[in-house]
């Protein structure tokens, strides 16, 4: 018995330290990880959706980009889901029923794509429903993640975000190659039907969430208090200035949809090969998360964002070699060049995005963690929507279509160079731990004596001093 107990303790210690990045293994943690895992595994249908829109619905690159942008709408209104979950319990619970509902919604959405969807408008509705399904479940687990993240020391910050995003990347890794291979053997509708089974895992995971039974009536006072606390939080410069920077960074235009059309229609990449590319990028995401967690998480936000922004913009230019076929002049096959390019860009992209998640979590003061984090993520997703719509406009303006890629190189140049536009505003980011700056502002606002001494210029002076010392660019 003693030996058995000792072995179990060693296993739990190994699981906590090496697998869970120091997080205590609890049923609720595993529920959170299941939800993120499902988000990753839904990537099984990503290529199927792209080919469905391109080939079966005959949409143009600009139309596909616009539709993808619209599908982000549920993520823009994430705070609404947070308010409903916090203020309107269903059957006495604030979390479980919403997770169950989100799983059912996802299954209905994918079954619709598998059976009845045959127009662009119907596809938009179904994709919106699927997106809403993931957004609702994401709000629920985000509230748990942020509460845990705020309790981490700055040296340990990012461990839970790394774990959750690593779990999502693992889900994507499992289905990455299958996403292309299945399209070689099955129809897009069959792939959608298979995907419809995964959201039900979220409904099952709901029962691992620990919570007490509450009143099922709408708690108006809770909602009003949330709004009051949220308004108080977002009026702090230590919160809204970094948020504005993140928005500018994310809102720069993207050429993803046009590039997908180029690789399939011009280069003739088959679904099976694109599945290999997704496999490579899934592995690369895990590598990027590990590199950030192991070596980069303690680098100051400004310096980290500066370095990753410049490097990402420079590396992004490499896709122009593929578009202009210059890689062939160098003797590099299109397939091999695409694999290597995707590997490098994905590692860099994941390293770039992790500080954004850490910064967003640490910007949330006590009392409004879940709601403010949902709002920050909504702002980030609104910027992503704008990014796709701007990309659609540029794609249309430059005349890039499903058969004409003459100006695709210029589109790629514009989108990569535009990613540098937020750099002059680096001073909006915190120089150190944002929680310390938020606490400092809260203490100052609560002190009449301090307020009378600093007057109206004290706040500007403090931020002006930081802004005069730009250290970095990106996240």
Protein backbone atom coordinates (compact mmCIF):
# COMPACT_ATOMS: atom_id res chain seq x y z
CA UNK A 1 0.00 0.00 0.00
CA UNK A 2 2.84 2.35 0.92
CA UNK A 3 4.67 1.60 -2.32
CA UNK A 4 1.48 2.12 -4.31
CA UNK A 5 0.82 5.44 -2.60
CA UNK A 6 4.39 6.60 -3.17
CA UNK A 7 4.21 5.70 -6.86
CA UNK A 8 0.91 7.53 -7.25
CA UNK A 9 2.35 10.63 -5.58
CA UNK A 10 5.36 10.55 -7.91
CA UNK A 11 3.06 10.26 -10.93
CA UNK A 12 0.94 13.19 -9.73
CA UNK A 13 4.10 15.21 -9.15
CA UNK A 14 5.37 14.42 -12.64
CA UNK A 15 1.96 15.21 -14.15
CA UNK A 16 1.80 18.56 -12.38
CA UNK A 17 5.37 19.66 -12.99
CA UNK A 18 6.09 18.38 -16.50
CA UNK A 19 2.74 17.97 -18.24
CA UNK A 20 0.54 20.60 -16.62
CA UNK A 21 3.26 23.27 -16.26
CA UNK A 22 2.84 23.41 -12.47
CA UNK A 23 -0.97 23.56 -12.46
CA UNK A 24 -2.80 21.36 -9.95
CA UNK A 25 -4.59 18.43 -11.69
CA UNK A 26 -8.29 18.82 -10.86
CA UNK A 27 -11.50 17.73 -12.64
CA UNK A 28 -12.22 21.37 -13.46
CA UNK A 29 -8.80 21.85 -15.04
CA UNK A 30 -9.39 18.79 -17.22
CA UNK A 31 -12.78 20.21 -18.23
CA UNK A 32 -11.05 23.41 -19.31
CA UNK A 33 -8.47 21.44 -21.28
CA UNK A 34 -11.18 19.35 -22.99
CA UNK A 35 -12.86 22.51 -24.25
CA UNK A 36 -9.58 23.83 -25.66
CA UNK A 37 -8.81 20.41 -27.11
CA UNK A 38 -12.13 20.43 -28.97
CA UNK A 39 -11.34 23.89 -30.32
CA UNK A 40 -8.20 22.44 -31.82
CA UNK A 41 -9.74 19.22 -33.08
CA UNK A 42 -12.47 21.16 -34.94
CA UNK A 43 -9.67 22.02 -37.34
CA UNK A 44 -10.55 18.72 -39.01
CA UNK A 45 -13.13 20.65 -41.03
CA UNK A 46 -11.07 23.78 -41.73
CA UNK A 47 -9.85 22.68 -45.15
CA UNK A 48 -13.27 21.22 -45.93
CA UNK A 49 -14.87 24.61 -45.26
CA UNK A 50 -12.32 26.37 -47.49
CA UNK A 51 -12.85 23.96 -50.39
CA UNK A 52 -16.62 23.99 -49.86
CA UNK A 53 -16.74 27.77 -50.18
CA UNK A 54 -14.28 27.87 -53.08
CA UNK A 55 -15.43 24.95 -55.22
CA UNK A 56 -19.02 24.04 -54.32
CA UNK A 57 -20.33 27.55 -53.65
CA UNK A 58 -17.96 29.15 -56.21
CA UNK A 59 -17.05 32.16 -54.04
CA UNK A 60 -14.20 34.52 -54.96
CA UNK A 61 -11.16 35.17 -52.72
CA UNK A 62 -12.62 38.53 -51.61
CA UNK A 63 -15.99 36.91 -50.81
CA UNK A 64 -14.36 34.13 -48.79
CA UNK A 65 -12.30 36.65 -46.83
CA UNK A 66 -15.42 38.72 -46.12
CA UNK A 67 -17.38 35.64 -44.99
CA UNK A 68 -14.57 34.56 -42.66
CA UNK A 69 -14.58 38.04 -41.20
CA UNK A 70 -18.33 37.85 -40.56
CA UNK A 71 -17.92 34.49 -38.83
CA UNK A 72 -15.91 36.30 -36.14
CA UNK A 73 -18.98 38.27 -35.00
CA UNK A 74 -19.85 35.89 -32.10
CA UNK A 75 -16.35 36.42 -30.77
CA UNK A 76 -16.86 40.17 -30.86
CA UNK A 77 -19.88 39.93 -28.55
CA UNK A 78 -18.23 37.56 -26.07
CA UNK A 79 -18.92 39.93 -23.14
CA UNK A 80 -22.64 39.44 -23.78
CA UNK A 81 -22.20 35.70 -23.27
CA UNK A 82 -20.21 36.46 -20.13
CA UNK A 83 -22.97 38.70 -18.75
CA UNK A 84 -25.60 36.04 -19.46
CA UNK A 85 -23.54 33.31 -17.83
CA UNK A 86 -22.80 35.42 -14.74
CA UNK A 87 -26.22 37.01 -14.33
CA UNK A 88 -28.70 34.46 -15.68
CA UNK A 89 -28.19 30.93 -14.28
CA UNK A 90 -29.92 28.14 -16.17
CA UNK A 91 -31.44 25.37 -14.04
CA UNK A 92 -29.55 26.83 -11.09
CA UNK A 93 -26.09 26.80 -12.69
CA UNK A 94 -24.04 29.53 -14.37
CA UNK A 95 -21.52 27.37 -16.23
CA UNK A 96 -22.67 23.81 -16.91
CA UNK A 97 -25.86 24.53 -18.92
CA UNK A 98 -24.07 27.04 -21.14
CA UNK A 99 -21.36 24.51 -21.93
CA UNK A 100 -24.00 21.87 -22.72
CA UNK A 101 -25.85 24.38 -24.93
CA UNK A 102 -22.69 25.35 -26.78
CA UNK A 103 -21.92 21.71 -27.56
CA UNK A 104 -25.42 21.12 -28.95
CA UNK A 105 -25.21 24.30 -31.05
CA UNK A 106 -21.94 23.17 -32.56
CA UNK A 107 -23.32 19.77 -33.49
CA UNK A 108 -26.40 21.34 -35.12
CA UNK A 109 -24.22 23.76 -37.10
CA UNK A 110 -21.94 21.08 -38.53
CA UNK A 111 -24.85 18.74 -39.29
CA UNK A 112 -26.50 21.61 -41.20
CA UNK A 113 -23.38 22.06 -43.31
CA UNK A 114 -23.38 18.31 -43.93
CA UNK A 115 -26.99 18.14 -45.07
CA UNK A 116 -28.97 21.24 -46.04
CA UNK A 117 -26.56 24.11 -46.69
CA UNK A 118 -26.21 24.86 -50.40
CA UNK A 119 -26.03 28.68 -50.66
CA UNK A 120 -23.58 31.33 -49.47
CA UNK A 121 -26.16 32.84 -47.11
CA UNK A 122 -27.00 29.48 -45.55
CA UNK A 123 -23.30 28.74 -45.17
CA UNK A 124 -22.80 32.08 -43.44
CA UNK A 125 -25.55 31.30 -40.93
CA UNK A 126 -24.23 27.80 -40.22
CA UNK A 127 -20.65 29.00 -39.81
CA UNK A 128 -21.87 31.80 -37.53
CA UNK A 129 -23.70 29.24 -35.38
CA UNK A 130 -20.61 27.07 -35.17
CA UNK A 131 -18.53 30.10 -34.28
CA UNK A 132 -21.03 31.09 -31.57
CA UNK A 133 -20.84 27.57 -30.16
CA UNK A 134 -17.09 27.80 -29.65
CA UNK A 135 -17.27 31.41 -28.42
CA UNK A 136 -19.78 30.55 -25.67
CA UNK A 137 -17.72 27.63 -24.37
CA UNK A 138 -14.60 29.76 -24.62
CA UNK A 139 -16.13 32.44 -22.38
CA UNK A 140 -16.88 29.86 -19.70
CA UNK A 141 -13.39 28.38 -19.58
CA UNK A 142 -11.71 31.78 -20.01
CA UNK A 143 -13.24 32.91 -16.73
CA UNK A 144 -11.56 29.99 -14.97
CA UNK A 145 -8.23 30.57 -16.75
CA UNK A 146 -8.08 34.29 -15.94
CA UNK A 147 -8.87 33.75 -12.25
CA UNK A 148 -6.03 31.25 -12.05
CA UNK A 149 -3.65 33.40 -14.15
CA UNK A 150 -4.06 36.41 -11.88
CA UNK A 151 -2.81 34.35 -8.94
CA UNK A 152 0.42 33.51 -10.76
CA UNK A 153 3.59 35.45 -10.05
CA UNK A 154 5.03 37.42 -12.93
CA UNK A 155 7.85 34.86 -13.26
CA UNK A 156 5.27 32.08 -13.65
CA UNK A 157 2.89 34.11 -15.85
CA UNK A 158 1.78 32.38 -19.00
CA UNK A 159 2.00 28.82 -17.68
CA UNK A 160 -1.75 28.23 -17.80
CA UNK A 161 -2.14 30.04 -21.13
CA UNK A 162 0.70 27.93 -22.51
CA UNK A 163 -1.02 24.78 -21.24
CA UNK A 164 -4.43 25.65 -22.68
CA UNK A 165 -3.09 26.77 -26.04
CA UNK A 166 -0.81 23.77 -26.13
CA UNK A 167 -3.85 21.54 -25.60
CA UNK A 168 -5.64 23.30 -28.44
CA UNK A 169 -2.58 22.86 -30.65
CA UNK A 170 -2.49 19.17 -29.71
CA UNK A 171 -6.08 18.80 -30.87
CA UNK A 172 -5.15 20.49 -34.11
CA UNK A 173 -2.12 18.23 -34.46
CA UNK A 174 -4.20 15.08 -34.15
CA UNK A 175 -6.55 16.08 -36.96
CA UNK A 176 -4.15 18.18 -39.08
CA UNK A 177 -3.12 15.58 -41.65
CA UNK A 178 -6.54 13.90 -41.55
CA UNK A 179 -8.15 17.20 -42.58
CA UNK A 180 -6.55 16.86 -46.00
CA UNK A 181 -6.43 13.08 -46.29
CA UNK A 182 -10.17 12.69 -45.65
CA UNK A 183 -10.95 15.21 -48.40
CA UNK A 184 -9.09 12.97 -50.85
CA UNK A 185 -11.39 10.08 -49.93
CA UNK A 186 -14.64 11.68 -48.74
CA UNK A 187 -16.92 14.58 -49.63
CA UNK A 188 -16.87 17.84 -47.69
CA UNK A 189 -20.34 16.98 -46.34
CA UNK A 190 -19.05 13.71 -44.86
CA UNK A 191 -16.18 15.55 -43.18
CA UNK A 192 -18.70 18.01 -41.72
CA UNK A 193 -20.77 15.12 -40.37
CA UNK A 194 -17.72 13.60 -38.66
CA UNK A 195 -16.84 17.00 -37.18
CA UNK A 196 -20.37 17.28 -35.74
CA UNK A 197 -19.53 14.66 -33.11
CA UNK A 198 -16.73 16.67 -31.44
CA UNK A 199 -18.76 19.52 -29.88
CA UNK A 200 -20.61 16.92 -27.81
CA UNK A 201 -17.38 16.41 -25.85
CA UNK A 202 -17.86 19.95 -24.53
CA UNK A 203 -21.33 19.01 -23.30
CA UNK A 204 -19.84 16.03 -21.46
CA UNK A 205 -17.03 18.13 -19.96
CA UNK A 206 -19.64 20.48 -18.49
CA UNK A 207 -20.32 18.01 -15.69
CA UNK A 208 -16.72 18.33 -14.47
CA UNK A 209 -17.24 22.01 -13.63
CA UNK A 210 -17.75 22.46 -9.89
CA UNK A 211 -20.38 25.04 -8.91
CA UNK A 212 -23.21 25.57 -6.45
CA UNK A 213 -26.91 25.76 -7.26
CA UNK A 214 -28.13 29.38 -7.58
CA UNK A 215 -31.38 31.19 -8.22
CA UNK A 216 -32.49 30.87 -11.85
CA UNK A 217 -33.79 34.44 -12.07
CA UNK A 218 -31.86 37.20 -13.79
CA UNK A 219 -29.69 38.91 -11.17
CA UNK A 220 -30.00 42.57 -12.27
CA UNK A 221 -27.86 43.79 -9.38
CA UNK A 222 -25.04 41.46 -10.43
CA UNK A 223 -25.18 42.73 -14.00
CA UNK A 224 -25.29 46.38 -12.88
CA UNK A 225 -22.35 45.81 -10.56
CA UNK A 226 -20.39 44.14 -13.38
CA UNK A 227 -21.05 47.09 -15.69
CA UNK A 228 -20.00 49.56 -12.99
CA UNK A 229 -16.80 47.67 -12.24
CA UNK A 230 -16.08 47.22 -15.94
CA UNK A 231 -16.55 50.94 -16.63
CA UNK A 232 -14.22 51.76 -13.75
CA UNK A 233 -11.58 49.36 -15.10
CA UNK A 234 -11.59 50.42 -18.75
CA UNK A 235 -11.24 54.11 -17.90
CA UNK A 236 -7.76 53.43 -16.49
CA UNK A 237 -4.98 54.31 -18.88
CA UNK A 238 -3.03 51.30 -17.66
CA UNK A 239 -5.76 49.16 -19.26
CA UNK A 240 -7.14 51.00 -22.28
CA UNK A 241 -3.81 52.13 -23.77
CA UNK A 242 -2.38 48.57 -24.06
CA UNK A 243 -5.78 47.44 -25.35
CA UNK A 244 -5.66 50.10 -28.07
CA UNK A 245 -2.21 48.88 -29.10
CA UNK A 246 -3.37 45.27 -29.30
CA UNK A 247 -6.33 46.37 -31.45
CA UNK A 248 -4.05 48.23 -33.89
CA UNK A 249 -1.71 45.26 -34.10
CA UNK A 250 -4.47 42.77 -34.85
CA UNK A 251 -6.44 45.01 -37.26
CA UNK A 252 -3.82 45.18 -40.01
CA UNK A 253 -5.07 43.49 -43.24
CA UNK A 254 -4.49 39.84 -44.07
CA UNK A 255 -4.05 38.04 -47.40
CA UNK A 256 -4.81 34.53 -46.13
CA UNK A 257 -7.85 33.83 -48.32
CA UNK A 258 -6.18 35.05 -51.52
CA UNK A 259 -3.10 32.97 -50.72
CA UNK A 260 -5.24 29.86 -50.23
CA UNK A 261 -6.73 30.32 -53.71
CA UNK A 262 -3.20 30.76 -55.11
CA UNK A 263 -1.89 27.54 -53.57
CA UNK A 264 -4.85 25.46 -54.77
CA UNK A 265 -5.72 27.02 -58.14
CA UNK A 266 -2.27 28.19 -59.30
CA UNK A 267 0.14 25.77 -57.64
CA UNK A 268 -2.32 22.86 -57.69
CA UNK A 269 -1.80 21.80 -54.08
CA UNK A 270 -4.14 18.91 -53.28
CA UNK A 271 -6.08 18.54 -50.01
CA UNK A 272 -3.79 15.72 -48.85
CA UNK A 273 -0.70 17.94 -49.16
CA UNK A 274 -2.48 20.84 -47.45
CA UNK A 275 -3.19 18.38 -44.65
CA UNK A 276 0.56 17.81 -44.39
CA UNK A 277 1.06 21.57 -44.19
CA UNK A 278 -1.50 21.74 -41.36
CA UNK A 279 0.32 18.90 -39.59
CA UNK A 280 3.58 20.83 -39.84
CA UNK A 281 1.96 24.04 -38.58
CA UNK A 282 0.33 22.20 -35.67
CA UNK A 283 3.72 20.84 -34.60
CA UNK A 284 5.19 24.30 -35.12
CA UNK A 285 2.53 25.81 -32.84
CA UNK A 286 3.55 23.44 -30.05
CA UNK A 287 7.20 24.30 -30.63
CA UNK A 288 6.38 28.02 -30.49
CA UNK A 289 4.47 27.60 -27.24
CA UNK A 290 7.32 25.57 -25.72
CA UNK A 291 9.94 28.14 -26.78
CA UNK A 292 7.90 30.95 -25.24
CA UNK A 293 7.27 29.01 -22.02
CA UNK A 294 10.90 27.89 -21.71
CA UNK A 295 12.90 30.93 -22.78
CA UNK A 296 10.82 34.03 -23.53
CA UNK A 297 8.02 34.48 -21.01
CA UNK A 298 10.02 36.78 -18.72
CA UNK A 299 11.04 39.23 -21.46
CA UNK A 300 9.34 42.65 -20.98
CA UNK A 301 6.21 43.10 -23.11
CA UNK A 302 7.51 46.04 -25.13
CA UNK A 303 10.79 44.38 -26.03
CA UNK A 304 9.08 41.08 -26.85
CA UNK A 305 6.47 42.70 -29.06
CA UNK A 306 9.07 44.83 -30.80
CA UNK A 307 11.29 41.93 -31.71
CA UNK A 308 8.57 39.53 -32.79
CA UNK A 309 6.76 42.16 -34.90
CA UNK A 310 9.84 43.09 -36.90
CA UNK A 311 10.95 39.48 -37.32
CA UNK A 312 7.45 38.33 -38.32
CA UNK A 313 7.13 41.10 -40.93
CA UNK A 314 10.52 40.22 -42.40
CA UNK A 315 9.83 36.49 -42.50
CA UNK A 316 6.37 37.11 -43.99
CA UNK A 317 8.01 38.52 -47.09
CA UNK A 318 9.31 35.04 -47.88
CA UNK A 319 5.88 34.09 -49.28
CA UNK A 320 6.55 36.53 -52.14
CA UNK A 321 9.25 34.12 -53.36
CA UNK A 322 6.55 31.46 -53.78
CA UNK A 323 4.07 33.81 -55.45
CA UNK A 324 6.65 35.06 -57.97
CA UNK A 325 8.00 31.49 -58.44
CA UNK A 326 11.48 32.73 -57.54
CA UNK A 327 11.86 29.64 -55.37
CA UNK A 328 11.97 27.60 -58.58
CA UNK A 329 14.88 29.72 -59.78
CA UNK A 330 16.63 28.80 -56.56
CA UNK A 331 15.90 25.14 -57.28
CA UNK A 332 13.43 24.71 -54.42
CA UNK A 333 10.23 22.79 -55.18
CA UNK A 334 6.93 24.58 -54.41
CA UNK A 335 5.88 21.87 -51.97
CA UNK A 336 9.10 21.85 -49.97
CA UNK A 337 9.29 25.63 -49.90
CA UNK A 338 5.71 25.87 -48.67
CA UNK A 339 6.32 23.32 -45.90
CA UNK A 340 9.47 25.04 -44.65
CA UNK A 341 7.95 28.51 -44.91
CA UNK A 342 4.83 27.43 -42.99
CA UNK A 343 6.95 25.83 -40.27
CA UNK A 344 9.03 28.95 -39.63
CA UNK A 345 6.15 31.43 -39.88
CA UNK A 346 3.93 29.40 -37.53
CA UNK A 347 6.60 29.09 -34.84
CA UNK A 348 7.18 32.82 -35.02
CA UNK A 349 3.45 33.55 -35.09
CA UNK A 350 2.77 31.49 -31.97
CA UNK A 351 5.65 33.12 -30.10
CA UNK A 352 4.22 36.45 -31.19
CA UNK A 353 0.70 35.74 -29.94
CA UNK A 354 1.47 34.26 -26.53
CA UNK A 355 2.52 37.60 -24.94
CA UNK A 356 -0.80 39.09 -26.09
CA UNK A 357 -2.67 36.46 -24.08
CA UNK A 358 -0.46 36.93 -21.04
CA UNK A 359 -0.76 40.71 -21.19
CA UNK A 360 -4.54 40.54 -21.63
CA UNK A 361 -4.92 38.29 -18.59
CA UNK A 362 -2.70 40.47 -16.40
CA UNK A 363 -4.57 43.63 -17.39
CA UNK A 364 -7.69 42.33 -15.63
CA UNK A 365 -8.12 43.71 -12.08
CA UNK A 366 -9.77 41.69 -9.33
CA UNK A 367 -13.56 41.53 -9.43
CA UNK A 368 -14.03 41.79 -13.19
CA UNK A 369 -11.53 39.21 -14.43
CA UNK A 370 -13.88 37.17 -16.59
CA UNK A 371 -15.89 40.07 -18.01
CA UNK A 372 -12.91 42.30 -18.78
CA UNK A 373 -10.93 39.44 -20.30
CA UNK A 374 -13.94 38.58 -22.48
CA UNK A 375 -14.10 42.25 -23.51
CA UNK A 376 -10.39 42.32 -24.33
CA UNK A 377 -10.72 39.17 -26.41
CA UNK A 378 -13.77 40.66 -28.13
CA UNK A 379 -11.76 43.74 -29.04
CA UNK A 380 -9.03 41.46 -30.35
CA UNK A 381 -11.58 39.52 -32.41
CA UNK A 382 -13.19 42.73 -33.68
CA UNK A 383 -9.75 43.73 -34.89
CA UNK A 384 -9.45 40.30 -36.55
CA UNK A 385 -12.78 40.84 -38.28
CA UNK A 386 -11.54 44.23 -39.50
CA UNK A 387 -8.32 42.57 -40.66
CA UNK A 388 -10.22 40.13 -42.88
CA UNK A 389 -12.55 42.82 -44.25
CA UNK A 390 -9.61 45.11 -45.06
CA UNK A 391 -7.93 42.14 -46.69
CA UNK A 392 -11.08 41.51 -48.75
CA UNK A 393 -11.16 45.14 -49.88
CA UNK A 394 -7.48 45.10 -50.84
CA UNK A 395 -7.92 41.79 -52.65
CA UNK A 396 -10.82 43.22 -54.67
CA UNK A 397 -9.08 46.56 -55.26
CA UNK A 398 -5.92 44.87 -56.61
CA UNK A 399 -7.98 42.60 -58.88
CA UNK A 400 -6.86 39.33 -57.30
CA UNK A 401 -9.41 36.64 -58.22
CA UNK A 402 -9.62 32.86 -58.28
CA UNK A 403 -7.63 32.86 -61.57
CA UNK A 404 -5.73 36.18 -61.61
CA UNK A 405 -2.81 36.41 -59.18
CA UNK A 406 -0.72 39.04 -60.97
CA UNK A 407 -0.98 41.51 -58.07
CA UNK A 408 -0.86 38.97 -55.24
CA UNK A 409 2.78 39.84 -54.57
CA UNK A 410 1.78 43.46 -53.99
CA UNK A 411 -1.04 42.39 -51.68
CA UNK A 412 1.47 40.40 -49.63
CA UNK A 413 3.87 43.34 -49.47
CA UNK A 414 1.11 45.67 -48.26
CA UNK A 415 -0.16 43.26 -45.61
CA UNK A 416 3.33 42.54 -44.26
CA UNK A 417 4.49 46.16 -44.19
CA UNK A 418 1.22 47.26 -42.56
CA UNK A 419 1.97 44.98 -39.60
CA UNK A 420 4.70 47.47 -38.65
CA UNK A 421 2.26 50.38 -38.35
CA UNK A 422 1.58 49.91 -34.59
CA UNK A 423 5.29 50.31 -33.73
CA UNK A 424 5.20 54.07 -33.05
CA UNK A 425 2.68 53.37 -30.28
CA UNK A 426 4.88 50.98 -28.28
CA UNK A 427 4.82 53.42 -25.39
CA UNK A 428 1.20 52.43 -24.80
CA UNK A 429 2.39 49.07 -23.51
CA UNK A 430 3.41 48.59 -19.87
CA UNK A 431 7.13 48.71 -19.18
CA UNK A 432 6.81 46.07 -16.44
CA UNK A 433 4.02 44.11 -14.75
CA UNK A 434 0.69 45.77 -15.73
CA UNK A 435 -0.91 44.65 -12.45
CA UNK A 436 1.52 46.87 -10.53
CA UNK A 437 0.61 49.85 -12.71
CA UNK A 438 -3.11 49.18 -12.30
CA UNK A 439 -2.70 48.90 -8.53
CA UNK A 440 -0.71 52.14 -8.53
CA UNK A 441 -3.46 53.97 -10.43
CA UNK A 442 -6.14 52.56 -8.12
CA UNK A 443 -4.19 53.69 -5.04
CA UNK A 444 -3.73 57.17 -6.49
CA UNK A 445 -7.41 57.47 -7.36
CA UNK A 446 -8.38 56.51 -3.80
CA UNK A 447 -6.07 59.05 -2.19
CA UNK A 448 -7.49 62.63 -2.08
CA UNK A 449 -4.18 64.02 -0.87
CA UNK A 450 -2.27 62.45 -3.70
CA UNK A 451 -4.91 63.54 -6.18
CA UNK A 452 -4.68 67.16 -5.08
CA UNK A 453 -0.89 67.11 -5.35
CA UNK A 454 -0.63 65.66 -8.83
CA UNK A 455 -3.51 67.60 -10.35
CA UNK A 456 -4.39 66.88 -13.96
CA UNK A 457 -0.86 66.51 -15.29
CA UNK A 458 0.49 63.78 -12.99
CA UNK A 459 -1.07 60.95 -14.95
CA UNK A 460 0.12 62.27 -18.30
CA UNK A 461 3.61 62.79 -16.96
CA UNK A 462 3.83 59.22 -15.74
CA UNK A 463 2.71 57.81 -19.09
CA UNK A 464 4.71 60.35 -21.06
CA UNK A 465 7.83 59.18 -19.29
CA UNK A 466 7.13 55.59 -20.26
CA UNK A 467 6.31 56.53 -23.82
CA UNK A 468 9.68 58.23 -24.18
CA UNK A 469 11.42 54.91 -23.64
CA UNK A 470 10.21 52.56 -26.40
CA UNK A 471 11.70 49.15 -25.88
CA UNK A 472 9.92 46.92 -28.23
CA UNK A 473 7.19 46.15 -30.62
CA UNK A 474 4.96 43.20 -30.67
CA UNK A 475 3.25 40.42 -28.93
